[in-house]
Amino acid sequence: MQRLRGWLTVWVLPFAAIVGSAVLLVLYWDRFPDPLAVHWGISGEPDGSLPLWGYAVVMIGGLLLSWIALITGSRSAPNAPLASSVYFIIGLLVSINLQILFFNLDATTQEDARDLDVLTFTGVLIVALLAGGLGWFLGGGRRGVPEDVPLEMPATTASAWSGTASNLWLALIAVIPVALGLVVTPILAGLMVAIAIFIVIFAFVRVDANENGVAISLGPIGRPRRKIAIDRLTGAGAFEVRPMAYGGWGWRIRPGRRAYIIRGGPAIRIERANGVAVIVTVDDAAQGAAVIESLARARRYK
């Protein structure tokens, strides 16, 4: 039964979503304007477009990349955070595709596309959320959330530590939205640039720990920066984490945890007084966790 569920989750449903989206594009290709309206303003009128072939590449390419991420992260079995994240993205893309194709159907030009209404926009979000919920269920729910593997921490008397981590492959992915920004309208180009900046921010991290607390600096210039005061620390541990167990790279949320996932591998889990741990993937995580644990212990016995 578990094997059948995994096959359905990883292969059957995503394949059906991608093929269905591609078939709709091909069947009605001659009934769409070229360029195609792909963005609507606050008033509901279309104000952005893409060449029809460009839209097809972006939409099907986004679906394929999402599917590849699901396959890559599900070598043994799909996990709930990954399946939920990918299904949310696939659901969002599929519903956006349906919206765009319907609103452009039989329009003479992109300006003639139907106006967007609040109900349709809300429907797109609802479909994406339902798809994400389906992914969580098919991934096993709470039972499908993988546990991080603990790492042994060395003994230390150090009172300060700094560590970094980077993911150049992730930084290179930022080229994709920048390239797309060159062929879309100014509004969409601004969105593409914002996405690229967000990706680059989560390709670099630096963690500093000392008697004042812990500072987590993101991006190549160390901004944004988050500080955790020493009196908010209750302990720390080192773990081996998988990005796909958190649903991918970037800023991730799991019950009782907030994570900065730069790459897979060693990570520090910083325990806080409010019960919500902060996880950050960083090189030499075992040493860093040992120092933070020592600082937190010293603070408790002051």
Protein backbone atom coordinates (compact mmCIF):
# COMPACT_ATOMS: atom_id res chain seq x y z
CA MET A 1 0.00 0.00 0.00
CA GLN A 2 2.81 2.41 0.87
CA ARG A 3 4.59 1.62 -2.38
CA LEU A 4 1.39 2.25 -4.35
CA ARG A 5 0.88 5.58 -2.55
CA GLY A 6 4.46 6.58 -3.34
CA TRP A 7 4.01 5.71 -7.01
CA LEU A 8 0.79 7.70 -7.16
CA THR A 9 2.30 10.69 -5.34
CA VAL A 10 5.63 10.95 -7.17
CA TRP A 11 4.77 9.75 -10.66
CA VAL A 12 1.10 9.46 -11.59
CA LEU A 13 -0.49 12.70 -10.34
CA PRO A 14 2.36 15.10 -11.32
CA PHE A 15 2.60 13.44 -14.75
CA ALA A 16 -1.15 13.85 -15.25
CA ALA A 17 -0.97 17.54 -14.26
CA ILE A 18 1.88 18.27 -16.69
CA VAL A 19 0.39 16.34 -19.60
CA GLY A 20 -3.03 17.87 -19.03
CA SER A 21 -1.58 21.40 -19.04
CA ALA A 22 0.42 20.71 -22.21
CA VAL A 23 -2.57 19.15 -23.99
CA LEU A 24 -4.74 22.21 -23.29
CA LEU A 25 -2.09 24.46 -24.76
CA VAL A 26 -1.72 22.35 -27.91
CA LEU A 27 -5.44 21.73 -28.51
CA TYR A 28 -6.39 25.41 -28.37
CA TRP A 29 -3.14 26.92 -29.64
CA ASP A 30 -4.77 28.56 -32.67
CA ARG A 31 -7.48 30.15 -30.49
CA PHE A 32 -5.07 32.17 -28.34
CA PRO A 33 -3.70 35.61 -29.19
CA ASP A 34 0.05 35.94 -29.67
CA PRO A 35 1.40 37.50 -27.51
CA LEU A 36 -0.72 36.12 -24.68
CA ALA A 37 -2.03 38.17 -21.76
CA VAL A 38 -0.36 36.80 -18.61
CA HIS A 39 -0.77 39.59 -16.06
CA TRP A 40 -3.69 41.68 -14.88
CA GLY A 41 -3.58 44.95 -12.95
CA ILE A 42 -5.46 45.93 -9.81
CA SER A 43 -8.36 47.12 -11.98
CA GLY A 44 -8.65 43.62 -13.46
CA GLU A 45 -7.56 44.61 -16.96
CA PRO A 46 -4.69 42.77 -18.71
CA ASP A 47 -1.45 44.76 -18.56
CA GLY A 48 1.30 42.23 -19.26
CA SER A 49 2.01 39.69 -21.98
CA LEU A 50 4.36 37.00 -23.20
CA PRO A 51 4.90 35.42 -26.60
CA LEU A 52 2.79 32.28 -26.81
CA TRP A 53 5.83 30.04 -27.19
CA GLY A 54 7.54 31.81 -24.27
CA TYR A 55 4.52 31.28 -22.05
CA ALA A 56 4.45 27.58 -22.96
CA VAL A 57 8.15 27.20 -22.09
CA VAL A 58 7.77 29.01 -18.75
CA MET A 59 4.63 27.15 -17.69
CA ILE A 60 5.62 23.62 -18.73
CA GLY A 61 9.21 24.24 -17.63
CA GLY A 62 8.03 25.29 -14.17
CA LEU A 63 5.90 22.17 -13.86
CA LEU A 64 8.77 19.93 -15.00
CA LEU A 65 11.25 21.51 -12.57
CA SER A 66 8.77 21.00 -9.72
CA TRP A 67 8.34 17.36 -10.71
CA ILE A 68 12.11 16.82 -10.90
CA ALA A 69 12.48 18.26 -7.38
CA LEU A 70 9.85 15.81 -6.13
CA ILE A 71 11.52 12.85 -7.82
CA THR A 72 14.99 13.85 -6.60
CA GLY A 73 13.87 14.24 -3.01
CA SER A 74 11.82 11.02 -2.96
CA ARG A 75 14.46 8.37 -3.64
CA SER A 76 13.16 6.08 -0.90
CA ALA A 77 9.65 7.46 -0.35
CA PRO A 78 7.94 10.84 -0.58
CA ASN A 79 7.93 12.87 2.61
CA ALA A 80 5.10 15.16 3.67
CA PRO A 81 6.91 18.57 3.63
CA LEU A 82 8.36 17.96 0.16
CA ALA A 83 5.16 16.55 -1.33
CA SER A 84 3.11 19.38 0.17
CA SER A 85 5.46 22.10 -1.15
CA VAL A 86 5.71 20.63 -4.65
CA TYR A 87 1.99 19.92 -4.90
CA PHE A 88 1.25 23.50 -3.82
CA ILE A 89 3.49 24.82 -6.62
CA ILE A 90 2.03 22.41 -9.19
CA GLY A 91 -1.51 23.26 -8.09
CA LEU A 92 -0.72 26.96 -8.33
CA LEU A 93 0.80 26.63 -11.82
CA VAL A 94 -2.02 24.43 -13.10
CA SER A 95 -4.73 26.77 -11.82
CA ILE A 96 -2.90 29.84 -13.16
CA ASN A 97 -2.56 28.09 -16.51
CA LEU A 98 -6.29 27.35 -16.60
CA GLN A 99 -7.07 30.95 -15.70
CA ILE A 100 -4.75 32.42 -18.34
CA LEU A 101 -5.92 30.09 -21.10
CA PHE A 102 -9.60 30.65 -20.33
CA PHE A 103 -9.23 34.44 -20.15
CA ASN A 104 -7.33 34.51 -23.48
CA LEU A 105 -9.48 32.01 -25.37
CA ASP A 106 -10.73 33.46 -28.68
CA ALA A 107 -9.35 36.94 -27.85
CA THR A 108 -8.07 38.82 -30.92
CA THR A 109 -5.19 40.47 -29.04
CA GLN A 110 -3.89 40.36 -25.46
CA GLU A 111 -5.78 43.60 -24.75
CA ASP A 112 -9.02 41.80 -25.57
CA ALA A 113 -8.48 39.12 -22.93
CA ARG A 114 -11.20 38.87 -20.28
CA ASP A 115 -10.84 40.96 -17.15
CA LEU A 116 -9.68 39.24 -13.97
CA ASP A 117 -12.08 39.24 -11.01
CA VAL A 118 -11.47 38.65 -7.31
CA LEU A 119 -13.38 35.35 -7.36
CA THR A 120 -11.10 33.85 -9.99
CA PHE A 121 -7.97 35.05 -8.20
CA THR A 122 -9.24 33.58 -4.94
CA GLY A 123 -10.03 30.31 -6.70
CA VAL A 124 -6.43 30.01 -7.89
CA LEU A 125 -5.16 30.29 -4.31
CA ILE A 126 -7.74 27.82 -3.01
CA VAL A 127 -6.75 25.22 -5.63
CA ALA A 128 -3.07 25.65 -4.71
CA LEU A 129 -3.81 25.26 -0.99
CA LEU A 130 -5.95 22.17 -1.61
CA ALA A 131 -3.18 20.68 -3.75
CA GLY A 132 -0.67 21.37 -0.97
CA GLY A 133 -2.97 19.66 1.52
CA LEU A 134 -3.28 16.67 -0.79
CA GLY A 135 0.51 16.45 -1.01
CA TRP A 136 0.77 16.55 2.79
CA PHE A 137 -1.79 13.73 3.09
CA LEU A 138 -0.19 11.57 0.38
CA GLY A 139 3.23 12.15 1.95
CA GLY A 140 2.03 10.62 5.20
CA GLY A 141 1.08 13.73 7.17
CA ARG A 142 2.91 14.05 10.49
CA ARG A 143 4.18 10.48 10.15
CA GLY A 144 5.78 11.47 6.86
CA VAL A 145 7.99 14.18 8.36
CA PRO A 146 11.59 12.87 8.41
CA GLU A 147 13.63 13.39 11.54
CA ASP A 148 17.03 15.03 11.33
CA VAL A 149 19.98 12.75 12.10
CA PRO A 150 21.90 13.84 15.27
CA LEU A 151 25.65 14.49 14.98
CA GLU A 152 28.18 14.06 17.76
CA MET A 153 29.36 17.38 19.21
CA PRO A 154 32.96 17.83 20.41
CA ALA A 155 33.88 19.11 23.85
CA THR A 156 34.88 22.77 23.75
CA THR A 157 35.92 25.63 25.99
CA ALA A 158 35.62 28.26 23.25
CA SER A 159 33.35 31.22 23.91
CA ALA A 160 33.06 32.38 20.30
CA TRP A 161 32.60 30.75 16.92
CA SER A 162 31.89 31.72 13.31
CA GLY A 163 30.80 29.50 10.45
CA THR A 164 29.66 29.95 6.87
CA ALA A 165 27.94 27.99 4.14
CA SER A 166 27.19 28.68 0.50
CA ASN A 167 25.41 27.05 -2.40
CA LEU A 168 26.73 28.35 -5.71
CA TRP A 169 24.35 26.13 -7.68
CA LEU A 170 21.43 27.80 -5.96
CA ALA A 171 22.90 31.22 -6.73
CA LEU A 172 23.20 30.29 -10.42
CA ILE A 173 19.49 29.46 -10.52
CA ALA A 174 18.87 33.19 -9.99
CA VAL A 175 19.94 33.68 -13.62
CA ILE A 176 16.66 32.08 -14.76
CA PRO A 177 14.26 34.75 -13.44
CA VAL A 178 16.69 37.49 -14.53
CA ALA A 179 16.63 36.09 -18.08
CA LEU A 180 12.84 35.93 -18.01
CA GLY A 181 12.77 39.53 -16.86
CA LEU A 182 14.30 40.56 -20.19
CA VAL A 183 11.29 39.35 -22.21
CA VAL A 184 8.33 40.38 -20.04
CA THR A 185 6.64 43.64 -19.15
CA PRO A 186 8.22 46.03 -16.60
CA ILE A 187 5.83 44.90 -13.85
CA LEU A 188 6.67 41.24 -14.34
CA ALA A 189 10.35 42.10 -14.79
CA GLY A 190 10.35 43.69 -11.34
CA LEU A 191 8.85 40.51 -9.92
CA MET A 192 11.50 38.39 -11.65
CA VAL A 193 14.29 40.56 -10.20
CA ALA A 194 12.76 40.25 -6.72
CA ILE A 195 12.68 36.45 -7.07
CA ALA A 196 16.33 36.43 -8.19
CA ILE A 197 17.37 38.54 -5.18
CA PHE A 198 15.47 36.22 -2.84
CA ILE A 199 17.25 33.18 -4.32
CA VAL A 200 20.69 34.77 -3.97
CA ILE A 201 19.99 35.74 -0.36
CA PHE A 202 19.45 32.10 0.55
CA ALA A 203 22.60 30.94 -1.25
CA PHE A 204 24.92 32.32 1.45
CA VAL A 205 24.87 32.32 5.24
CA ARG A 206 27.18 33.26 8.10
CA VAL A 207 26.58 32.34 11.75
CA ASP A 208 28.37 34.13 14.61
CA ALA A 209 28.09 33.00 18.23
CA ASN A 210 29.53 34.75 21.26
CA GLU A 211 28.60 35.84 24.77
CA ASN A 212 25.97 38.22 23.37
CA GLY A 213 24.08 35.48 21.51
CA VAL A 214 23.84 34.22 17.95
CA ALA A 215 23.66 36.25 14.73
CA ILE A 216 22.53 34.70 11.43
CA SER A 217 23.52 36.78 8.38
CA LEU A 218 22.13 35.91 4.96
CA GLY A 219 23.20 36.82 1.45
CA PRO A 220 26.56 37.86 -0.01
CA ILE A 221 26.53 41.16 1.94
CA GLY A 222 25.27 39.68 5.21
CA ARG A 223 21.78 41.15 5.00
CA PRO A 224 19.15 40.49 6.17
CA ARG A 225 20.50 39.63 9.63
CA ARG A 226 18.77 37.94 12.54
CA LYS A 227 19.96 38.05 16.14
CA ILE A 228 19.05 35.70 18.97
CA ALA A 229 19.96 37.19 22.34
CA ILE A 230 21.90 35.03 24.79
CA ASP A 231 19.07 35.10 27.32
CA ARG A 232 16.75 33.53 24.71
CA LEU A 233 19.03 30.52 24.13
CA THR A 234 18.33 27.26 25.95
CA GLY A 235 20.68 24.94 24.07
CA ALA A 236 21.88 23.71 20.69
CA GLY A 237 22.55 20.52 18.77
CA ALA A 238 24.11 19.44 15.48
CA PHE A 239 22.16 17.45 12.91
CA GLU A 240 22.35 16.14 9.37
CA VAL A 241 19.46 17.60 7.38
CA ARG A 242 17.99 17.09 3.91
CA PRO A 243 16.57 20.15 2.15
CA MET A 244 13.72 18.16 0.64
CA ALA A 245 12.66 17.01 4.12
CA TYR A 246 11.85 20.69 4.71
CA GLY A 247 10.21 21.17 1.33
CA GLY A 248 13.30 22.64 -0.36
CA TRP A 249 15.81 25.44 0.08
CA GLY A 250 15.25 28.85 1.60
CA TRP A 251 13.21 29.96 4.64
CA ARG A 252 11.20 26.96 5.80
CA ILE A 253 8.61 26.43 8.52
CA ARG A 254 7.84 23.18 10.30
CA PRO A 255 5.94 22.71 13.55
CA GLY A 256 8.23 23.95 16.34
CA ARG A 257 11.02 24.80 13.88
CA ARG A 258 12.11 27.64 11.63
CA ALA A 259 14.85 26.76 9.19
CA TYR A 260 17.37 28.49 6.94
CA ILE A 261 18.20 25.78 4.41
CA ILE A 262 21.22 26.77 2.30
CA ARG A 263 22.29 23.24 1.34
CA GLY A 264 21.98 19.69 2.58
CA GLY A 265 24.30 18.33 5.25
CA PRO A 266 25.36 19.47 8.75
CA ALA A 267 23.18 22.05 10.48
CA ILE A 268 22.86 23.70 13.88
CA ARG A 269 19.57 23.51 15.71
CA ILE A 270 19.34 26.45 18.13
CA GLU A 271 16.86 25.86 20.94
CA ARG A 272 15.03 28.97 22.15
CA ALA A 273 13.07 29.83 25.27
CA ASN A 274 9.81 30.14 23.32
CA GLY A 275 10.03 26.49 22.28
CA VAL A 276 10.54 27.21 18.56
CA ALA A 277 13.96 26.04 17.38
CA VAL A 278 15.96 27.78 14.64
CA ILE A 279 17.82 25.53 12.22
CA VAL A 280 20.57 26.77 9.92
CA THR A 281 22.73 24.69 7.61
CA VAL A 282 26.35 25.73 8.08
CA ASP A 283 29.82 24.20 7.77
CA ASP A 284 31.45 22.87 10.96
CA ALA A 285 28.00 22.70 12.54
CA ALA A 286 29.09 20.29 15.30
CA GLN A 287 31.70 22.74 16.63
CA GLY A 288 29.30 25.66 16.36
CA ALA A 289 26.53 23.80 18.18
CA ALA A 290 28.96 22.84 20.94
CA VAL A 291 29.94 26.48 21.46
CA ILE A 292 26.32 27.67 21.50
CA GLU A 293 25.37 24.90 23.93
CA SER A 294 28.29 25.89 26.17
CA LEU A 295 27.25 29.56 26.07
CA ALA A 296 23.62 28.68 26.88
CA ARG A 297 24.72 26.43 29.77
CA ALA A 298 26.98 29.13 31.18
CA ARG A 299 24.14 31.62 31.03
CA ARG A 300 21.80 29.24 32.89
CA TYR A 301 24.26 28.80 35.77
CA LYS A 302 25.10 32.49 36.18
